[in-house]
Protein backbone atom coordinates (compact mmCIF):
# COMPACT_ATOMS: atom_id res chain seq x y z
CA MET A 1 0.00 0.00 0.00
CA ASN A 2 2.87 2.35 0.83
CA GLN A 3 4.36 1.87 -2.65
CA ILE A 4 1.08 2.82 -4.32
CA ILE A 5 0.81 5.99 -2.24
CA ASN A 6 4.44 6.89 -3.00
CA MET A 7 3.90 6.30 -6.72
CA PHE A 8 0.79 8.51 -6.72
CA MET A 9 2.58 11.25 -4.78
CA ARG A 10 5.52 11.20 -7.21
CA ILE A 11 3.17 11.58 -10.18
CA VAL A 12 1.33 14.50 -8.57
CA LEU A 13 4.54 16.17 -7.42
CA ARG A 14 6.10 15.86 -10.90
CA LYS A 15 3.06 17.47 -12.52
CA VAL A 16 3.02 20.32 -10.00
CA MET A 17 6.75 20.92 -10.45
CA ASN A 18 6.42 20.96 -14.25
CA LYS A 19 3.58 23.48 -14.07
CA GLY A 20 5.60 25.65 -11.68
CA VAL A 21 8.69 25.60 -13.89
CA ASN A 22 6.68 26.43 -17.00
CA LYS A 23 4.81 29.22 -15.21
CA GLY A 24 8.09 30.73 -13.99
CA ILE A 25 9.58 30.64 -17.48
CA ASP A 26 6.45 32.26 -18.91
CA MET A 27 6.54 35.01 -16.26
CA LEU A 28 10.18 35.75 -17.06
CA ALA A 29 9.33 36.05 -20.75
CA GLY A 30 6.76 38.79 -20.07
CA ASP A 31 4.09 38.67 -22.76
CA LYS A 32 2.73 41.88 -24.40
CA ALA A 33 0.26 40.18 -26.75
CA ASP A 34 -2.56 42.73 -26.35
CA GLN A 35 -0.42 45.84 -27.01
CA PRO A 36 0.97 47.07 -30.33
CA MET A 37 4.67 46.31 -30.65
CA THR A 38 7.55 47.91 -32.50
CA LYS A 39 9.83 45.94 -34.80
CA GLU A 40 12.47 45.63 -32.07
CA GLU A 41 9.89 44.37 -29.57
CA ARG A 42 8.72 41.71 -32.04
CA GLN A 43 12.30 40.57 -32.56
CA GLN A 44 12.87 40.49 -28.81
CA LYS A 45 9.70 38.45 -28.33
CA ARG A 46 10.87 35.99 -30.99
CA ARG A 47 14.24 35.64 -29.21
CA ASN A 48 12.43 35.17 -25.89
CA ARG A 49 10.32 32.37 -27.38
CA GLN A 50 13.48 30.64 -28.61
CA GLN A 51 15.07 30.98 -25.18
CA ILE A 52 11.92 29.63 -23.53
CA ARG A 53 11.99 26.63 -25.85
CA GLN A 54 15.67 26.03 -25.04
CA ALA A 55 15.02 26.37 -21.29
CA ARG A 56 12.21 23.81 -21.44
CA GLN A 57 14.42 21.43 -23.42
CA ALA A 58 17.17 21.87 -20.83
CA THR A 59 14.78 21.09 -17.96
CA LYS A 60 13.66 17.94 -19.79
CA MET A 61 17.28 16.86 -20.24
CA VAL A 62 18.03 17.46 -16.55
CA ARG A 63 15.01 15.39 -15.56
CA ARG A 64 16.13 12.57 -17.85
CA MET A 65 19.64 12.67 -16.43
CA GLY A 66 18.18 12.56 -12.91
CA LYS A 67 16.16 9.49 -13.78
CA MET A 68 19.20 7.79 -15.30
CA ASN A 69 21.33 8.41 -12.20
CA LYS A 70 18.90 6.55 -9.94
CA PHE A 71 19.99 3.19 -11.32
């Protein structure tokens, strides 16, 4: 029974952590979707999106490496 509870808690904790990491990355990006933007602001937003994508990929890689080190 203890193993089932631990498994469930790990699943829930992983989902909460993922949402928190993604929310933090989104807050750092600072979205101005509803306001008109200049050309420089559009370019900056594009760069931010690329950095967000890279940050998410990096977090995925770190999680994978953490899983691999358990064995």
